[in-house]
Amino acid sequence: MTITEFDTSLPSIRQVQNLIKQAAAVEFKLVTGDTITGRVLWQDPNCVCIADENSHQTTIWKQAIAYLQPKG
């Protein structure tokens, strides 16, 4: 089911927004076991976009994320 509203009162949404503002490096572990590291550029109700050290952008469906953690 697709989420249609962006609820900024949720702590997870606020945490990602803070990571965007800080331009912090983040590690995403996906449910497939893959790991993606980079800066979060944006998020919407369904996806986040990550830029790696080469500025290569990857859009990830939130359903695919097992966890995220700030690097460092």
PDB file of N, CA and C in Angstrom:
ATOM      1  N   MET A   1       0.837  -1.180   0.000  1.00  0.00           N
ATOM      2  CA  MET A   1       0.000   0.000   0.000  1.00  0.00           C
ATOM      3  C   MET A   1       0.884   1.246   0.000  1.00  0.00           C
ATOM      4  N   THR A   2       0.576   2.194  -0.816  1.00  0.00           N
ATOM      5  CA  THR A   2       1.347   3.412  -0.936  1.00  0.00           C
ATOM      6  C   THR A   2       0.845   4.460   0.051  1.00  0.00           C
ATOM      7  N   ILE A   3       1.776   5.111   0.721  1.00  0.00           N
ATOM      8  CA  ILE A   3       1.437   6.185   1.652  1.00  0.00           C
ATOM      9  C   ILE A   3       1.222   7.448   0.831  1.00  0.00           C
ATOM     10  N   THR A   4       0.153   8.172   1.113  1.00  0.00           N
ATOM     11  CA  THR A   4      -0.137   9.354   0.309  1.00  0.00           C
ATOM     12  C   THR A   4       0.134  10.657   1.038  1.00  0.00           C
ATOM     13  N   GLU A   5       0.291  10.603   2.358  1.00  0.00           N
ATOM     14  CA  GLU A   5       0.551  11.823   3.104  1.00  0.00           C
ATOM     15  C   GLU A   5       1.927  11.759   3.751  1.00  0.00           C
ATOM     16  N   PHE A   6       2.556  12.922   3.853  1.00  0.00           N
ATOM     17  CA  PHE A   6       3.882  13.044   4.442  1.00  0.00           C
ATOM     18  C   PHE A   6       3.701  13.591   5.848  1.00  0.00           C
ATOM     19  N   ASP A   7       3.767  12.732   6.843  1.00  0.00           N
ATOM     20  CA  ASP A   7       3.471  13.100   8.226  1.00  0.00           C
ATOM     21  C   ASP A   7       4.752  13.512   8.949  1.00  0.00           C
ATOM     22  N   THR A   8       5.000  14.817   9.019  1.00  0.00           N
ATOM     23  CA  THR A   8       6.220  15.315   9.651  1.00  0.00           C
ATOM     24  C   THR A   8       6.195  15.217  11.171  1.00  0.00           C
ATOM     25  N   SER A   9       5.102  14.748  11.735  1.00  0.00           N
ATOM     26  CA  SER A   9       5.075  14.547  13.183  1.00  0.00           C
ATOM     27  C   SER A   9       5.725  13.218  13.583  1.00  0.00           C
ATOM     28  N   LEU A  10       5.975  12.350  12.611  1.00  0.00           N
ATOM     29  CA  LEU A  10       6.602  11.058  12.906  1.00  0.00           C
ATOM     30  C   LEU A  10       8.105  11.228  13.161  1.00  0.00           C
ATOM     31  N   PRO A  11       8.621  10.609  14.209  1.00  0.00           N
ATOM     32  CA  PRO A  11      10.052  10.741  14.520  1.00  0.00           C
ATOM     33  C   PRO A  11      10.962  10.272  13.386  1.00  0.00           C
ATOM     34  N   SER A  12      10.572   9.226  12.665  1.00  0.00           N
ATOM     35  CA  SER A  12      11.422   8.731  11.581  1.00  0.00           C
ATOM     36  C   SER A  12      11.530   9.753  10.456  1.00  0.00           C
ATOM     37  N   ILE A  13      10.453  10.444  10.152  1.00  0.00           N
ATOM     38  CA  ILE A  13      10.465  11.480   9.112  1.00  0.00           C
ATOM     39  C   ILE A  13      11.349  12.639   9.564  1.00  0.00           C
ATOM     40  N   ARG A  14      11.206  13.049  10.818  1.00  0.00           N
ATOM     41  CA  ARG A  14      12.020  14.154  11.351  1.00  0.00           C
ATOM     42  C   ARG A  14      13.497  13.778  11.373  1.00  0.00           C
ATOM     43  N   GLN A  15      13.814  12.521  11.724  1.00  0.00           N
ATOM     44  CA  GLN A  15      15.207  12.087  11.757  1.00  0.00           C
ATOM     45  C   GLN A  15      15.834  12.194  10.369  1.00  0.00           C
ATOM     46  N   VAL A  16      15.143  11.717   9.360  1.00  0.00           N
ATOM     47  CA  VAL A  16      15.682  11.782   8.001  1.00  0.00           C
ATOM     48  C   VAL A  16      15.794  13.231   7.549  1.00  0.00           C
ATOM     49  N   GLN A  17      14.817  14.072   7.888  1.00  0.00           N
ATOM     50  CA  GLN A  17      14.895  15.492   7.533  1.00  0.00           C
ATOM     51  C   GLN A  17      16.132  16.136   8.173  1.00  0.00           C
ATOM     52  N   ASN A  18      16.439  15.784   9.419  1.00  0.00           N
ATOM     53  CA  ASN A  18      17.642  16.308  10.075  1.00  0.00           C
ATOM     54  C   ASN A  18      18.910  15.829   9.379  1.00  0.00           C
ATOM     55  N   LEU A  19      18.932  14.583   8.941  1.00  0.00           N
ATOM     56  CA  LEU A  19      20.092  14.066   8.211  1.00  0.00           C
ATOM     57  C   LEU A  19      20.274  14.799   6.884  1.00  0.00           C
ATOM     58  N   ILE A  20      19.164  15.165   6.247  1.00  0.00           N
ATOM     59  CA  ILE A  20      19.233  15.942   5.004  1.00  0.00           C
ATOM     60  C   ILE A  20      19.831  17.315   5.289  1.00  0.00           C
ATOM     61  N   LYS A  21      19.334  17.984   6.324  1.00  0.00           N
ATOM     62  CA  LYS A  21      19.828  19.325   6.679  1.00  0.00           C
ATOM     63  C   LYS A  21      21.310  19.307   7.036  1.00  0.00           C
ATOM     64  N   GLN A  22      21.755  18.258   7.741  1.00  0.00           N
ATOM     65  CA  GLN A  22      23.143  18.155   8.172  1.00  0.00           C
ATOM     66  C   GLN A  22      24.061  17.658   7.054  1.00  0.00           C
ATOM     67  N   ALA A  23      23.477  17.174   5.962  1.00  0.00           N
ATOM     68  CA  ALA A  23      24.245  16.556   4.872  1.00  0.00           C
ATOM     69  C   ALA A  23      25.156  15.458   5.421  1.00  0.00           C
ATOM     70  N   ALA A  24      24.629  14.714   6.384  1.00  0.00           N
ATOM     71  CA  ALA A  24      25.393  13.664   7.057  1.00  0.00           C
ATOM     72  C   ALA A  24      25.476  12.408   6.200  1.00  0.00           C
ATOM     73  N   ALA A  25      26.599  11.708   6.299  1.00  0.00           N
ATOM     74  CA  ALA A  25      26.739  10.416   5.638  1.00  0.00           C
ATOM     75  C   ALA A  25      25.899   9.393   6.398  1.00  0.00           C
ATOM     76  N   VAL A  26      25.175   8.568   5.647  1.00  0.00           N
ATOM     77  CA  VAL A  26      24.249   7.606   6.223  1.00  0.00           C
ATOM     78  C   VAL A  26      24.466   6.257   5.550  1.00  0.00           C
ATOM     79  N   GLU A  27      24.312   5.196   6.331  1.00  0.00           N
ATOM     80  CA  GLU A  27      24.366   3.846   5.796  1.00  0.00           C
ATOM     81  C   GLU A  27      22.966   3.260   5.842  1.00  0.00           C
ATOM     82  N   PHE A  28      22.489   2.802   4.685  1.00  0.00           N
ATOM     83  CA  PHE A  28      21.200   2.130   4.583  1.00  0.00           C
ATOM     84  C   PHE A  28      21.449   0.647   4.370  1.00  0.00           C
ATOM     85  N   LYS A  29      20.852  -0.168   5.204  1.00  0.00           N
ATOM     86  CA  LYS A  29      20.871  -1.618   5.011  1.00  0.00           C
ATOM     87  C   LYS A  29      19.519  -1.979   4.424  1.00  0.00           C
ATOM     88  N   LEU A  30      19.532  -2.642   3.283  1.00  0.00           N
ATOM     89  CA  LEU A  30      18.289  -3.003   2.615  1.00  0.00           C
ATOM     90  C   LEU A  30      17.857  -4.405   3.004  1.00  0.00           C
ATOM     91  N   VAL A  31      16.589  -4.702   2.822  1.00  0.00           N
ATOM     92  CA  VAL A  31      16.078  -6.025   3.170  1.00  0.00           C
ATOM     93  C   VAL A  31      16.713  -7.116   2.314  1.00  0.00           C
ATOM     94  N   THR A  32      17.320  -6.757   1.203  1.00  0.00           N
ATOM     95  CA  THR A  32      18.036  -7.716   0.347  1.00  0.00           C
ATOM     96  C   THR A  32      19.411  -8.064   0.900  1.00  0.00           C
ATOM     97  N   GLY A  33      19.859  -7.288   1.922  1.00  0.00           N
ATOM     98  CA  GLY A  33      21.194  -7.488   2.478  1.00  0.00           C
ATOM     99  C   GLY A  33      22.202  -6.500   1.924  1.00  0.00           C
ATOM    100  N   ASP A  34      21.847  -5.776   0.871  1.00  0.00           N
ATOM    101  CA  ASP A  34      22.736  -4.763   0.292  1.00  0.00           C
ATOM    102  C   ASP A  34      22.881  -3.588   1.243  1.00  0.00           C
ATOM    103  N   THR A  35      24.016  -2.910   1.150  1.00  0.00           N
ATOM    104  CA  THR A  35      24.265  -1.707   1.934  1.00  0.00           C
ATOM    105  C   THR A  35      24.551  -0.564   0.974  1.00  0.00           C
ATOM    106  N   ILE A  36      23.923   0.571   1.227  1.00  0.00           N
ATOM    107  CA  ILE A  36      24.154   1.773   0.425  1.00  0.00           C
ATOM    108  C   ILE A  36      24.563   2.877   1.378  1.00  0.00           C
ATOM    109  N   THR A  37      25.651   3.563   1.048  1.00  0.00           N
ATOM    110  CA  THR A  37      26.161   4.650   1.886  1.00  0.00           C
ATOM    111  C   THR A  37      26.193   5.931   1.068  1.00  0.00           C
ATOM    112  N   GLY A  38      25.783   7.023   1.697  1.00  0.00           N
ATOM    113  CA  GLY A  38      25.818   8.320   1.036  1.00  0.00           C
ATOM    114  C   GLY A  38      25.062   9.368   1.835  1.00  0.00           C
ATOM    115  N   ARG A  39      24.763  10.485   1.185  1.00  0.00           N
ATOM    116  CA  ARG A  39      23.984  11.562   1.797  1.00  0.00           C
ATOM    117  C   ARG A  39      22.548  11.450   1.307  1.00  0.00           C
ATOM    118  N   VAL A  40      21.609  11.688   2.213  1.00  0.00           N
ATOM    119  CA  VAL A  40      20.204  11.713   1.811  1.00  0.00           C
ATOM    120  C   VAL A  40      19.933  13.072   1.184  1.00  0.00           C
ATOM    121  N   LEU A  41      19.453  13.072  -0.052  1.00  0.00           N
ATOM    122  CA  LEU A  41      19.142  14.323  -0.746  1.00  0.00           C
ATOM    123  C   LEU A  41      17.702  14.764  -0.492  1.00  0.00           C
ATOM    124  N   TRP A  42      16.792  13.821  -0.537  1.00  0.00           N
ATOM    125  CA  TRP A  42      15.383  14.128  -0.311  1.00  0.00           C
ATOM    126  C   TRP A  42      14.641  12.864   0.088  1.00  0.00           C
ATOM    127  N   GLN A  43      13.433  13.081   0.615  1.00  0.00           N
ATOM    128  CA  GLN A  43      12.527  11.973   0.899  1.00  0.00           C
ATOM    129  C   GLN A  43      11.119  12.416   0.548  1.00  0.00           C
ATOM    130  N   ASP A  44      10.304  11.469   0.187  1.00  0.00           N
ATOM    131  CA  ASP A  44       8.878  11.701   0.015  1.00  0.00           C
ATOM    132  C   ASP A  44       8.172  10.573   0.760  1.00  0.00           C
ATOM    133  N   PRO A  45       6.865  10.476   0.701  1.00  0.00           N
ATOM    134  CA  PRO A  45       6.196   9.425   1.481  1.00  0.00           C
ATOM    135  C   PRO A  45       6.620   8.007   1.118  1.00  0.00           C
ATOM    136  N   ASN A  46       7.148   7.797  -0.088  1.00  0.00           N
ATOM    137  CA  ASN A  46       7.458   6.446  -0.539  1.00  0.00           C
ATOM    138  C   ASN A  46       8.939   6.138  -0.698  1.00  0.00           C
ATOM    139  N   CYS A  47       9.756   7.142  -0.954  1.00  0.00           N
ATOM    140  CA  CYS A  47      11.152   6.919  -1.333  1.00  0.00           C
ATOM    141  C   CYS A  47      12.106   7.888  -0.641  1.00  0.00           C
ATOM    142  N   VAL A  48      13.389   7.525  -0.668  1.00  0.00           N
ATOM    143  CA  VAL A  48      14.470   8.440  -0.313  1.00  0.00           C
ATOM    144  C   VAL A  48      15.478   8.397  -1.453  1.00  0.00           C
ATOM    145  N   CYS A  49      16.187   9.491  -1.650  1.00  0.00           N
ATOM    146  CA  CYS A  49      17.215   9.558  -2.675  1.00  0.00           C
ATOM    147  C   CYS A  49      18.558   9.760  -1.986  1.00  0.00           C
ATOM    148  N   ILE A  50      19.530   8.920  -2.341  1.00  0.00           N
ATOM    149  CA  ILE A  50      20.858   8.924  -1.743  1.00  0.00           C
ATOM    150  C   ILE A  50      21.880   9.307  -2.808  1.00  0.00           C
ATOM    151  N   ALA A  51      22.826  10.163  -2.462  1.00  0.00           N
ATOM    152  CA  ALA A  51      23.938  10.493  -3.352  1.00  0.00           C
ATOM    153  C   ALA A  51      25.207   9.915  -2.749  1.00  0.00           C
ATOM    154  N   ASP A  52      25.943   9.123  -3.535  1.00  0.00           N
ATOM    155  CA  ASP A  52      27.190   8.547  -3.037  1.00  0.00           C
ATOM    156  C   ASP A  52      28.338   9.540  -3.176  1.00  0.00           C
ATOM    157  N   GLU A  53      29.564   9.090  -2.872  1.00  0.00           N
ATOM    158  CA  GLU A  53      30.725   9.990  -2.885  1.00  0.00           C
ATOM    159  C   GLU A  53      31.032  10.537  -4.276  1.00  0.00           C
ATOM    160  N   ASN A  54      30.501   9.903  -5.319  1.00  0.00           N
ATOM    161  CA  ASN A  54      30.684  10.370  -6.700  1.00  0.00           C
ATOM    162  C   ASN A  54      29.468  11.151  -7.201  1.00  0.00           C
ATOM    163  N   SER A  55      28.575  11.506  -6.281  1.00  0.00           N
ATOM    164  CA  SER A  55      27.321  12.212  -6.585  1.00  0.00           C
ATOM    165  C   SER A  55      26.364  11.388  -7.442  1.00  0.00           C
ATOM    166  N   HIS A  56      26.570  10.075  -7.482  1.00  0.00           N
ATOM    167  CA  HIS A  56      25.637   9.182  -8.175  1.00  0.00           C
ATOM    168  C   HIS A  56      24.403   9.025  -7.300  1.00  0.00           C
ATOM    169  N   GLN A  57      23.229   9.307  -7.867  1.00  0.00           N
ATOM    170  CA  GLN A  57      21.996   9.267  -7.098  1.00  0.00           C
ATOM    171  C   GLN A  57      21.277   7.932  -7.250  1.00  0.00           C
ATOM    172  N   THR A  58      20.780   7.428  -6.120  1.00  0.00           N
ATOM    173  CA  THR A  58      19.990   6.202  -6.092  1.00  0.00           C
ATOM    174  C   THR A  58      18.707   6.486  -5.339  1.00  0.00           C
ATOM    175  N   THR A  59      17.586   6.153  -5.946  1.00  0.00           N
ATOM    176  CA  THR A  59      16.290   6.287  -5.280  1.00  0.00           C
ATOM    177  C   THR A  59      15.922   4.934  -4.697  1.00  0.00           C
ATOM    178  N   ILE A  60      15.578   4.925  -3.416  1.00  0.00           N
ATOM    179  CA  ILE A  60      15.269   3.688  -2.694  1.00  0.00           C
ATOM    180  C   ILE A  60      13.836   3.760  -2.175  1.00  0.00           C
ATOM    181  N   TRP A  61      13.075   2.733  -2.447  1.00  0.00           N
ATOM    182  CA  TRP A  61      11.740   2.628  -1.872  1.00  0.00           C
ATOM    183  C   TRP A  61      11.884   2.397  -0.369  1.00  0.00           C
ATOM    184  N   LYS A  62      11.141   3.107   0.432  1.00  0.00           N
ATOM    185  CA  LYS A  62      11.239   2.957   1.893  1.00  0.00           C
ATOM    186  C   LYS A  62      10.932   1.536   2.335  1.00  0.00           C
ATOM    187  N   GLN A  63      10.077   0.837   1.603  1.00  0.00           N
ATOM    188  CA  GLN A  63       9.755  -0.556   1.937  1.00  0.00           C
ATOM    189  C   GLN A  63      10.974  -1.470   1.848  1.00  0.00           C
ATOM    190  N   ALA A  64      11.990  -1.047   1.105  1.00  0.00           N
ATOM    191  CA  ALA A  64      13.188  -1.865   0.911  1.00  0.00           C
ATOM    192  C   ALA A  64      14.225  -1.659   2.009  1.00  0.00           C
ATOM    193  N   ILE A  65      14.007  -0.692   2.908  1.00  0.00           N
ATOM    194  CA  ILE A  65      14.994  -0.356   3.933  1.00  0.00           C
ATOM    195  C   ILE A  65      14.773  -1.197   5.188  1.00  0.00           C
ATOM    196  N   ALA A  66      15.817  -1.915   5.594  1.00  0.00           N
ATOM    197  CA  ALA A  66      15.779  -2.652   6.856  1.00  0.00           C
ATOM    198  C   ALA A  66      16.093  -1.697   8.006  1.00  0.00           C
ATOM    199  N   TYR A  67      17.167  -0.893   7.842  1.00  0.00           N
ATOM    200  CA  TYR A  67      17.509   0.123   8.832  1.00  0.00           C
ATOM    201  C   TYR A  67      18.430   1.150   8.201  1.00  0.00           C
ATOM    202  N   LEU A  68      18.565   2.280   8.882  1.00  0.00           N
ATOM    203  CA  LEU A  68      19.553   3.285   8.493  1.00  0.00           C
ATOM    204  C   LEU A  68      20.262   3.735   9.743  1.00  0.00           C
ATOM    205  N   GLN A  69      21.524   4.133   9.555  1.00  0.00           N
ATOM    206  CA  GLN A  69      22.299   4.671  10.673  1.00  0.00           C
ATOM    207  C   GLN A  69      23.271   5.704  10.156  1.00  0.00           C
ATOM    208  N   PRO A  70      23.436   6.791  10.911  1.00  0.00           N
ATOM    209  CA  PRO A  70      24.434   7.798  10.528  1.00  0.00           C
ATOM    210  C   PRO A  70      25.830   7.188  10.591  1.00  0.00           C
ATOM    211  N   LYS A  71      26.688   7.568   9.682  1.00  0.00           N
ATOM    212  CA  LYS A  71      28.079   7.112   9.680  1.00  0.00           C
ATOM    213  C   LYS A  71      28.909   8.062  10.545  1.00  0.00           C
ATOM    214  N   GLY A  72      29.943   7.514  11.157  1.00  0.00           N
ATOM    215  CA  GLY A  72      30.859   8.373  11.884  1.00  0.00           C
ATOM    216  C   GLY A  72      30.773   8.337  13.343  1.00  0.00           C
TER     217      GLY A  72
END
